[in-house]
N, C-alpha and C. Protein backbone atom coordinates (compact mmCIF):
# COMPACT_ATOMS: atom_id res chain seq x y z
N MET A 1 0.82 -1.27 -0.20
CA MET A 1 0.13 -0.37 -0.29
C MET A 1 0.69 0.98 -0.19
N HIS A 2 0.36 1.93 -0.49
CA HIS A 2 0.92 3.97 -0.67
C HIS A 2 0.18 4.32 -0.48
N ILE A 3 1.08 5.80 -0.12
CA ILE A 3 -0.21 7.87 -0.03
C ILE A 3 1.39 8.24 -0.53
N VAL A 4 0.99 9.36 -0.76
CA VAL A 4 1.33 10.35 -1.93
C VAL A 4 1.15 11.39 0.12
N GLN A 5 2.40 11.54 0.44
CA GLN A 5 2.33 12.52 1.79
C GLN A 5 2.62 13.83 0.86
N THR A 6 3.67 14.65 0.19
CA THR A 6 3.11 15.52 -0.02
C THR A 6 4.47 15.98 -1.90
N VAL A 7 3.78 16.41 -2.57
CA VAL A 7 4.61 16.94 -3.97
C VAL A 7 5.21 17.84 -3.71
N ILE A 8 5.93 17.77 -4.16
CA ILE A 8 6.94 18.46 -4.07
C ILE A 8 7.75 19.57 -5.17
N LEU A 9 6.77 20.29 -5.98
CA LEU A 9 7.31 21.60 -7.54
C LEU A 9 8.74 22.32 -6.97
N LYS A 10 9.49 22.27 -8.26
CA LYS A 10 10.16 23.04 -8.38
C LYS A 10 10.89 24.84 -8.30
N LYS A 11 10.91 25.93 -7.75
CA LYS A 11 10.25 27.00 -8.11
C LYS A 11 11.33 27.08 -9.32
N GLN A 12 12.53 26.66 -9.63
CA GLN A 12 12.91 27.22 -10.91
C GLN A 12 12.31 27.03 -12.20
N HIS A 13 11.02 26.38 -11.71
CA HIS A 13 10.46 25.67 -12.97
C HIS A 13 8.81 25.96 -13.23
N PHE A 14 8.37 26.48 -11.32
CA PHE A 14 6.72 27.02 -11.46
C PHE A 14 6.64 28.39 -10.79
N THR A 15 5.83 29.52 -11.23
CA THR A 15 5.35 30.25 -10.41
C THR A 15 4.47 29.19 -9.29
N LYS A 16 4.58 30.15 -8.17
CA LYS A 16 2.69 29.37 -7.39
C LYS A 16 1.94 29.11 -7.39
N PRO A 17 1.25 31.04 -8.82
CA PRO A 17 0.21 30.45 -9.07
C PRO A 17 0.21 29.16 -10.54
N LYS A 18 1.25 28.81 -10.86
CA LYS A 18 1.51 27.50 -11.81
C LYS A 18 0.96 26.03 -11.16
N ALA A 19 2.05 26.53 -9.78
CA ALA A 19 2.00 25.68 -9.45
C ALA A 19 0.85 24.79 -8.89
N ILE A 20 0.23 25.75 -7.74
CA ILE A 20 -1.43 25.17 -7.91
C ILE A 20 -2.19 24.64 -8.71
N GLU A 21 -2.08 25.24 -10.26
CA GLU A 21 -2.75 25.39 -11.15
C GLU A 21 -2.40 23.19 -11.85
N TRP A 22 -0.80 23.32 -11.66
CA TRP A 22 -0.49 21.58 -11.83
C TRP A 22 -0.77 21.05 -10.74
N ILE A 23 -1.14 21.38 -9.67
CA ILE A 23 -1.14 20.61 -8.17
C ILE A 23 -2.60 20.34 -8.77
N ALA A 24 -4.18 21.75 -9.10
CA ALA A 24 -5.55 21.06 -8.92
C ALA A 24 -5.03 19.92 -10.18
N LEU A 25 -5.04 20.35 -11.21
CA LEU A 25 -5.59 19.17 -12.89
C LEU A 25 -5.00 17.64 -12.04
N HIS A 26 -3.95 17.66 -11.79
CA HIS A 26 -3.28 16.50 -11.47
C HIS A 26 -4.44 15.46 -10.12
N GLY A 27 -4.87 16.44 -9.32
CA GLY A 27 -5.75 15.88 -8.36
C GLY A 27 -5.50 16.05 -6.90
N TYR A 28 -4.59 16.89 -7.20
CA TYR A 28 -3.92 16.75 -5.05
C TYR A 28 -4.51 18.23 -4.38
N ASN A 29 -4.85 17.86 -3.67
CA ASN A 29 -4.48 18.74 -2.25
C ASN A 29 -4.16 19.88 -2.36
N HIS A 30 -3.87 21.79 -2.62
CA HIS A 30 -3.24 22.42 -2.55
C HIS A 30 -3.01 23.66 -1.44
N SER A 31 -4.41 22.89 -0.76
CA SER A 31 -5.16 24.18 0.34
C SER A 31 -3.66 23.91 0.87
N LYS A 32 -2.93 23.08 1.78
CA LYS A 32 -1.91 23.52 2.98
C LYS A 32 -0.52 23.48 1.53
N ILE A 33 0.54 24.66 1.58
CA ILE A 33 1.92 25.31 0.55
C ILE A 33 2.75 25.42 1.54
N ASP A 34 3.61 24.62 1.55
CA ASP A 34 4.83 24.96 2.28
C ASP A 34 5.91 25.02 0.91
N GLU A 35 6.33 26.38 1.92
CA GLU A 35 7.61 26.80 0.62
C GLU A 35 9.21 26.76 1.21
N THR A 36 9.62 26.67 0.99
CA THR A 36 11.48 26.87 0.87
C THR A 36 11.53 27.35 -0.68
N PRO A 37 13.49 28.16 -0.12
CA PRO A 37 13.93 28.98 -0.60
C PRO A 37 13.70 28.78 -2.66
N ASN A 38 13.76 27.22 -2.40
CA ASN A 38 13.58 26.23 -4.08
C ASN A 38 12.58 25.29 -3.82
N GLU A 39 11.26 25.19 -3.64
CA GLU A 39 10.42 24.51 -3.87
C GLU A 39 9.58 24.87 -2.66
N TYR A 40 7.84 24.71 -3.54
CA TYR A 40 6.57 24.59 -3.49
C TYR A 40 6.46 23.22 -2.96
N ARG A 41 6.07 22.88 -1.50
CA ARG A 41 5.20 21.53 -0.94
C ARG A 41 3.67 21.69 -0.91
N PHE A 42 3.42 20.55 -0.98
CA PHE A 42 1.70 20.29 -1.34
C PHE A 42 1.57 19.30 -0.66
N ARG A 43 1.34 19.40 0.91
CA ARG A 43 1.14 18.39 1.78
C ARG A 43 -0.37 17.89 1.94
N GLN A 44 -0.04 16.53 1.01
CA GLN A 44 -1.76 15.62 1.09
C GLN A 44 -2.65 15.08 2.42
N VAL A 45 -1.39 14.64 3.39
CA VAL A 45 -1.91 14.32 4.82
C VAL A 45 -0.48 14.31 5.65
N SER A 46 -1.12 14.40 7.07
CA SER A 46 -0.27 14.07 7.83
C SER A 46 1.19 13.54 7.56
N PRO A 47 2.38 14.86 7.99
CA PRO A 47 3.68 13.53 8.44
C PRO A 47 3.22 12.33 9.85
N GLU A 48 2.37 12.44 10.30
CA GLU A 48 1.85 12.06 11.71
C GLU A 48 1.21 10.88 11.34
N ILE A 49 1.33 10.06 10.29
CA ILE A 49 1.04 8.51 9.71
C ILE A 49 1.84 8.05 9.57
N LEU A 50 2.92 8.92 9.52
CA LEU A 50 4.77 7.60 9.94
C LEU A 50 4.41 7.06 10.73
N LYS A 51 4.13 7.93 12.23
CA LYS A 51 4.71 7.68 13.28
C LYS A 51 3.31 6.52 13.94
N THR A 52 2.07 6.58 12.91
CA THR A 52 1.56 6.24 13.68
C THR A 52 0.76 4.63 12.92
N ASN A 53 1.41 4.65 11.53
CA ASN A 53 0.87 3.49 10.98
C ASN A 53 2.17 2.36 10.32
N MET A 54 3.53 2.72 10.57
CA MET A 54 4.57 2.53 9.81
C MET A 54 4.98 2.42 8.18
N PHE A 55 4.60 3.97 8.18
CA PHE A 55 5.04 3.38 6.77
C PHE A 55 6.04 4.08 6.78
N ARG A 56 6.74 4.04 5.29
CA ARG A 56 8.30 4.16 5.42
C ARG A 56 8.21 5.37 3.61
N GLU A 57 9.21 6.55 3.80
CA GLU A 57 9.01 7.14 2.31
C GLU A 57 9.84 7.36 1.86
N ARG A 58 9.56 7.68 0.61
CA ARG A 58 10.63 7.42 -0.43
C ARG A 58 9.85 8.35 -0.95
N MET A 59 11.31 8.80 -2.01
CA MET A 59 10.95 10.15 -3.19
C MET A 59 10.90 9.71 -4.33
N ILE A 60 9.82 10.48 -5.49
CA ILE A 60 10.14 9.80 -6.62
C ILE A 60 9.83 11.11 -7.26
N LYS A 61 10.62 10.47 -8.57
CA LYS A 61 10.93 12.06 -9.18
C LYS A 61 9.82 12.26 -9.95
N ILE A 62 9.74 12.90 -10.15
CA ILE A 62 8.06 13.88 -11.19
C ILE A 62 9.07 14.46 -13.12
N GLY A 63 9.46 14.14 -13.31
CA GLY A 63 10.52 14.18 -14.69
C GLY A 63 11.56 14.78 -13.83
N ASP A 64 12.00 15.99 -14.51
CA ASP A 64 12.79 17.46 -14.03
C ASP A 64 12.18 18.62 -13.04
N LYS A 65 11.03 18.11 -12.67
CA LYS A 65 10.59 19.55 -12.45
C LYS A 65 9.98 19.65 -10.73
N GLY A 66 9.98 17.73 -9.96
CA GLY A 66 10.05 18.30 -9.18
C GLY A 66 9.67 16.40 -8.53
N TYR A 67 8.88 16.31 -6.69
CA TYR A 67 8.90 15.23 -6.65
C TYR A 67 7.80 14.55 -5.99
N LEU A 68 7.35 13.37 -5.31
CA LEU A 68 6.44 13.07 -5.02
C LEU A 68 6.34 12.15 -4.27
N GLY A 69 5.99 12.25 -2.46
CA GLY A 69 6.52 12.24 -1.22
C GLY A 69 5.89 11.16 -0.94
N ILE A 70 6.17 9.88 -0.70
CA ILE A 70 5.44 8.64 -0.69
C ILE A 70 5.40 7.65 -0.32
N LEU A 71 4.57 7.67 0.83
CA LEU A 71 4.72 6.95 2.25
C LEU A 71 3.72 5.44 1.82
N TYR A 72 4.96 4.02 2.53
CA TYR A 72 4.52 2.30 1.96
C TYR A 72 4.52 1.86 2.86
N ASN A 73 3.78 0.75 2.55
CA ASN A 73 4.61 0.08 3.88
C ASN A 73 4.14 -1.75 3.30
N ASP A 74 4.84 -2.54 3.23
CA ASP A 74 4.94 -3.92 2.84
C ASP A 74 3.79 -4.46 3.31
């Protein structure tokens, strides 16, 4: 089983409005946005799920534009 915990888009490829547009177009939640100097991070589920459900995290590239933070268990 896996869950998308966060979607990370690089600022070098997206303005904030374009990042929100991309997230919405792909069916992800865009109500919680964290910004770093280089990225927009769209949280899909709380990281607390890692503690409560024995999930591990893996980052998967979205081309050269960003990453999906995937939570999974075996």
